[in-house]
Amino acid sequence: MCWYCGSPVTEAEPLGRTVLCGDCGRDLRVCMHCRFYLPGSRGDCCEPGAEPPSEKERANFCDWFSLDQKFRKATPGRGKDRGKAEAAKSAFDELFN
């Protein structure tokens, strides 16, 4: 599933850097989809040899990337949570306009 919208990832591995989710258009080769992604660890990555990119939600060139198989199944995703965060940011920005 796409970490953002919850659609199952059906593309064959290895995922190319330019592969996008067919439903929401987000990058699929991102830290959020990697089996080594572990929030709270050094750089949010549990692979000791990796140099994790700072943008976890954008496509990257990490040589250690390997799709976590849990993303092959559909889930609700995080779109609802992201919508709340974007609404809060928008409300904050309105304070200064």
N, C-alpha and C. Protein backbone atom coordinates (compact mmCIF):
# COMPACT_ATOMS: atom_id res chain seq x y z
N MET A 1 0.83 -1.17 0.00
CA MET A 1 0.00 0.00 0.00
C MET A 1 0.87 1.24 0.00
N CYS A 2 0.42 2.19 -0.66
CA CYS A 2 1.11 3.48 -0.65
C CYS A 2 1.01 4.04 0.76
N TRP A 3 2.11 4.53 1.31
CA TRP A 3 2.09 5.06 2.67
C TRP A 3 1.11 6.22 2.80
N TYR A 4 0.84 6.91 1.70
CA TYR A 4 -0.01 8.10 1.75
C TYR A 4 -1.49 7.76 1.57
N CYS A 5 -1.83 7.07 0.47
CA CYS A 5 -3.25 6.84 0.17
C CYS A 5 -3.73 5.44 0.53
N GLY A 6 -2.82 4.50 0.77
CA GLY A 6 -3.21 3.16 1.16
C GLY A 6 -3.41 2.17 0.02
N SER A 7 -3.22 2.59 -1.22
CA SER A 7 -3.37 1.67 -2.36
C SER A 7 -2.23 0.66 -2.37
N PRO A 8 -2.50 -0.60 -2.70
CA PRO A 8 -1.43 -1.59 -2.71
C PRO A 8 -0.39 -1.27 -3.79
N VAL A 9 0.88 -1.52 -3.46
CA VAL A 9 1.97 -1.34 -4.42
C VAL A 9 2.03 -2.61 -5.26
N THR A 10 1.75 -2.47 -6.55
CA THR A 10 1.71 -3.64 -7.44
C THR A 10 2.89 -3.70 -8.40
N GLU A 11 3.72 -2.67 -8.42
CA GLU A 11 4.86 -2.63 -9.32
C GLU A 11 5.89 -3.67 -8.92
N ALA A 12 6.57 -4.22 -9.93
CA ALA A 12 7.62 -5.21 -9.67
C ALA A 12 8.86 -4.53 -9.12
N GLU A 13 9.62 -5.29 -8.34
CA GLU A 13 10.88 -4.77 -7.82
C GLU A 13 11.99 -5.11 -8.79
N PRO A 14 13.04 -4.35 -8.83
CA PRO A 14 13.30 -3.18 -8.01
C PRO A 14 12.49 -1.97 -8.50
N LEU A 15 12.03 -1.18 -7.56
CA LEU A 15 11.27 0.02 -7.89
C LEU A 15 12.23 1.09 -8.39
N GLY A 16 11.94 1.66 -9.52
CA GLY A 16 12.74 2.76 -10.04
C GLY A 16 12.44 4.05 -9.29
N ARG A 17 13.36 4.98 -9.37
CA ARG A 17 13.21 6.25 -8.65
C ARG A 17 12.02 7.06 -9.14
N THR A 18 11.60 6.86 -10.37
CA THR A 18 10.52 7.67 -10.94
C THR A 18 9.14 7.00 -10.87
N VAL A 19 9.04 5.84 -10.23
CA VAL A 19 7.76 5.14 -10.15
C VAL A 19 6.85 5.87 -9.17
N LEU A 20 5.61 6.12 -9.62
CA LEU A 20 4.62 6.84 -8.81
C LEU A 20 3.44 5.95 -8.49
N CYS A 21 2.75 6.27 -7.41
CA CYS A 21 1.52 5.58 -7.06
C CYS A 21 0.47 5.90 -8.12
N GLY A 22 -0.21 4.90 -8.60
CA GLY A 22 -1.23 5.09 -9.63
C GLY A 22 -2.45 5.84 -9.14
N ASP A 23 -2.69 5.86 -7.83
CA ASP A 23 -3.88 6.52 -7.30
C ASP A 23 -3.63 7.95 -6.84
N CYS A 24 -2.54 8.20 -6.10
CA CYS A 24 -2.33 9.54 -5.56
C CYS A 24 -1.16 10.29 -6.22
N GLY A 25 -0.34 9.59 -7.01
CA GLY A 25 0.76 10.25 -7.71
C GLY A 25 2.01 10.49 -6.87
N ARG A 26 2.08 9.95 -5.68
CA ARG A 26 3.25 10.11 -4.81
C ARG A 26 4.36 9.15 -5.25
N ASP A 27 5.60 9.52 -4.92
CA ASP A 27 6.75 8.66 -5.20
C ASP A 27 6.61 7.36 -4.41
N LEU A 28 7.06 6.24 -5.02
CA LEU A 28 7.00 4.95 -4.32
C LEU A 28 8.37 4.53 -3.77
N ARG A 29 9.46 4.96 -4.40
CA ARG A 29 10.79 4.60 -3.90
C ARG A 29 11.21 5.64 -2.86
N VAL A 30 10.61 5.51 -1.68
CA VAL A 30 10.85 6.46 -0.59
C VAL A 30 11.16 5.69 0.69
N CYS A 31 11.79 6.36 1.61
CA CYS A 31 12.14 5.73 2.90
C CYS A 31 10.91 5.12 3.57
N MET A 32 9.78 5.81 3.47
CA MET A 32 8.56 5.34 4.12
C MET A 32 8.15 3.94 3.67
N HIS A 33 8.56 3.52 2.47
CA HIS A 33 8.21 2.20 1.95
C HIS A 33 9.30 1.16 2.16
N CYS A 34 10.43 1.56 2.67
CA CYS A 34 11.57 0.65 2.78
C CYS A 34 11.47 -0.25 4.00
N ARG A 35 11.96 -1.48 3.85
CA ARG A 35 11.93 -2.41 4.98
C ARG A 35 12.89 -1.99 6.09
N PHE A 36 13.84 -1.10 5.79
CA PHE A 36 14.77 -0.62 6.79
C PHE A 36 14.28 0.65 7.51
N TYR A 37 13.15 1.20 7.09
CA TYR A 37 12.63 2.42 7.70
C TYR A 37 12.18 2.12 9.13
N LEU A 38 12.76 2.85 10.08
CA LEU A 38 12.44 2.66 11.48
C LEU A 38 12.48 4.00 12.19
N PRO A 39 11.32 4.67 12.31
CA PRO A 39 11.29 5.97 12.97
C PRO A 39 11.90 5.91 14.37
N GLY A 40 12.73 6.89 14.68
CA GLY A 40 13.38 6.95 15.97
C GLY A 40 14.80 6.44 15.97
N SER A 41 15.16 5.62 14.99
CA SER A 41 16.54 5.16 14.90
C SER A 41 17.37 6.25 14.21
N ARG A 42 18.69 6.05 14.12
CA ARG A 42 19.57 7.04 13.51
C ARG A 42 19.11 7.29 12.07
N GLY A 43 18.66 8.49 11.81
CA GLY A 43 18.18 8.84 10.47
C GLY A 43 16.92 8.11 10.07
N ASP A 44 16.23 7.52 11.03
CA ASP A 44 15.01 6.72 10.79
C ASP A 44 15.28 5.50 9.92
N CYS A 45 16.52 4.99 9.97
CA CYS A 45 16.90 3.84 9.15
C CYS A 45 17.67 2.84 10.00
N CYS A 46 17.27 1.57 9.96
CA CYS A 46 17.95 0.56 10.77
C CYS A 46 19.05 -0.16 9.99
N GLU A 47 19.34 0.26 8.77
CA GLU A 47 20.45 -0.32 8.00
C GLU A 47 21.72 0.45 8.36
N PRO A 48 22.69 -0.19 9.04
CA PRO A 48 23.87 0.53 9.51
C PRO A 48 24.74 1.12 8.39
N GLY A 49 24.74 0.55 7.21
CA GLY A 49 25.58 1.04 6.12
C GLY A 49 24.97 2.16 5.30
N ALA A 50 23.71 2.47 5.55
CA ALA A 50 23.00 3.47 4.74
C ALA A 50 23.25 4.88 5.25
N GLU A 51 23.20 5.83 4.32
CA GLU A 51 23.18 7.24 4.66
C GLU A 51 21.79 7.75 4.31
N PRO A 52 20.88 7.74 5.27
CA PRO A 52 19.49 8.08 4.99
C PRO A 52 19.30 9.50 4.48
N PRO A 53 18.49 9.66 3.44
CA PRO A 53 18.17 11.01 2.97
C PRO A 53 17.31 11.75 3.98
N SER A 54 17.35 13.06 3.92
CA SER A 54 16.56 13.85 4.87
C SER A 54 15.07 13.85 4.52
N GLU A 55 14.74 13.74 3.26
CA GLU A 55 13.34 13.73 2.80
C GLU A 55 12.84 12.29 2.75
N LYS A 56 12.09 11.87 3.74
CA LYS A 56 11.61 10.49 3.83
C LYS A 56 10.43 10.20 2.92
N GLU A 57 9.77 11.24 2.43
CA GLU A 57 8.57 11.07 1.61
C GLU A 57 8.82 11.34 0.13
N ARG A 58 10.08 11.54 -0.25
CA ARG A 58 10.41 11.84 -1.65
C ARG A 58 11.34 10.78 -2.20
N ALA A 59 11.32 10.59 -3.51
CA ALA A 59 12.15 9.58 -4.17
C ALA A 59 13.62 9.83 -3.87
N ASN A 60 14.39 8.74 -3.76
CA ASN A 60 15.81 8.87 -3.45
C ASN A 60 16.62 7.81 -4.20
N PHE A 61 17.93 7.89 -4.05
CA PHE A 61 18.84 6.98 -4.74
C PHE A 61 19.49 5.98 -3.78
N CYS A 62 18.90 5.72 -2.63
CA CYS A 62 19.50 4.84 -1.63
C CYS A 62 19.75 3.44 -2.22
N ASP A 63 20.98 2.98 -2.09
CA ASP A 63 21.34 1.65 -2.59
C ASP A 63 20.76 0.52 -1.73
N TRP A 64 20.36 0.83 -0.52
CA TRP A 64 19.84 -0.17 0.40
C TRP A 64 18.32 -0.33 0.30
N PHE A 65 17.65 0.46 -0.51
CA PHE A 65 16.19 0.42 -0.57
C PHE A 65 15.69 -0.97 -0.93
N SER A 66 14.73 -1.43 -0.15
CA SER A 66 14.05 -2.70 -0.41
C SER A 66 12.61 -2.53 0.07
N LEU A 67 11.65 -2.73 -0.81
CA LEU A 67 10.25 -2.52 -0.47
C LEU A 67 9.82 -3.45 0.67
N ASP A 68 9.24 -2.88 1.70
CA ASP A 68 8.68 -3.65 2.80
C ASP A 68 7.42 -4.32 2.26
N GLN A 69 7.33 -5.63 2.39
CA GLN A 69 6.24 -6.39 1.79
C GLN A 69 4.87 -6.06 2.38
N LYS A 70 4.82 -5.39 3.52
CA LYS A 70 3.51 -5.00 4.07
C LYS A 70 2.81 -3.99 3.17
N PHE A 71 3.55 -3.33 2.29
CA PHE A 71 2.96 -2.34 1.40
C PHE A 71 2.32 -2.97 0.16
N ARG A 72 2.33 -4.27 0.06
CA ARG A 72 1.66 -4.97 -1.04
C ARG A 72 0.17 -5.12 -0.79
N LYS A 73 -0.29 -4.80 0.43
CA LYS A 73 -1.71 -4.92 0.80
C LYS A 73 -2.33 -3.54 0.96
N ALA A 74 -3.61 -3.43 0.66
CA ALA A 74 -4.32 -2.15 0.80
C ALA A 74 -4.61 -1.84 2.26
N THR A 75 -4.53 -0.56 2.61
CA THR A 75 -4.88 -0.06 3.95
C THR A 75 -5.51 1.32 3.79
N PRO A 76 -5.99 1.91 4.88
CA PRO A 76 -6.56 3.26 4.79
C PRO A 76 -5.52 4.33 4.44
N GLY A 77 -4.23 4.06 4.69
CA GLY A 77 -3.20 5.06 4.39
C GLY A 77 -3.19 6.19 5.40
N ARG A 78 -2.46 7.24 5.09
CA ARG A 78 -2.33 8.38 5.99
C ARG A 78 -2.93 9.65 5.42
N GLY A 79 -3.68 9.54 4.38
CA GLY A 79 -4.26 10.73 3.76
C GLY A 79 -5.07 11.57 4.72
N LYS A 80 -5.83 10.93 5.59
CA LYS A 80 -6.66 11.65 6.55
C LYS A 80 -5.78 12.43 7.53
N ASP A 81 -4.72 11.78 8.04
CA ASP A 81 -3.80 12.47 8.95
C ASP A 81 -3.10 13.62 8.25
N ARG A 82 -2.68 13.39 7.00
CA ARG A 82 -2.00 14.43 6.25
C ARG A 82 -2.95 15.60 6.00
N GLY A 83 -4.22 15.29 5.74
CA GLY A 83 -5.21 16.35 5.52
C GLY A 83 -5.35 17.24 6.75
N LYS A 84 -5.33 16.64 7.94
CA LYS A 84 -5.40 17.40 9.18
C LYS A 84 -4.18 18.29 9.35
N ALA A 85 -3.01 17.74 9.04
CA ALA A 85 -1.77 18.52 9.18
C ALA A 85 -1.76 19.69 8.20
N GLU A 86 -2.20 19.44 6.98
CA GLU A 86 -2.23 20.51 5.98
C GLU A 86 -3.26 21.58 6.37
N ALA A 87 -4.39 21.17 6.95
CA ALA A 87 -5.39 22.14 7.39
C ALA A 87 -4.85 23.00 8.54
N ALA A 88 -4.12 22.37 9.45
CA ALA A 88 -3.53 23.12 10.57
C ALA A 88 -2.49 24.11 10.06
N LYS A 89 -1.66 23.68 9.11
CA LYS A 89 -0.65 24.59 8.55
C LYS A 89 -1.31 25.74 7.82
N SER A 90 -2.37 25.45 7.10
CA SER A 90 -3.09 26.48 6.37
C SER A 90 -3.71 27.50 7.35
N ALA A 91 -4.28 27.01 8.43
CA ALA A 91 -4.86 27.90 9.45
C ALA A 91 -3.78 28.77 10.08
N PHE A 92 -2.60 28.19 10.33
CA PHE A 92 -1.49 28.95 10.88
C PHE A 92 -1.04 30.03 9.91
N ASP A 93 -0.93 29.68 8.64
CA ASP A 93 -0.51 30.65 7.62
C ASP A 93 -1.50 31.80 7.50
N GLU A 94 -2.79 31.52 7.71
CA GLU A 94 -3.83 32.55 7.64
C GLU A 94 -3.65 33.61 8.73
N LEU A 95 -3.03 33.23 9.84
CA LEU A 95 -2.80 34.19 10.92
C LEU A 95 -1.91 35.35 10.48
N PHE A 96 -1.06 35.11 9.50
CA PHE A 96 -0.09 36.11 9.07
C PHE A 96 -0.44 36.75 7.74
N ASN A 97 -1.61 36.51 7.24
CA ASN A 97 -2.03 37.12 5.96
C ASN A 97 -3.02 38.23 6.19
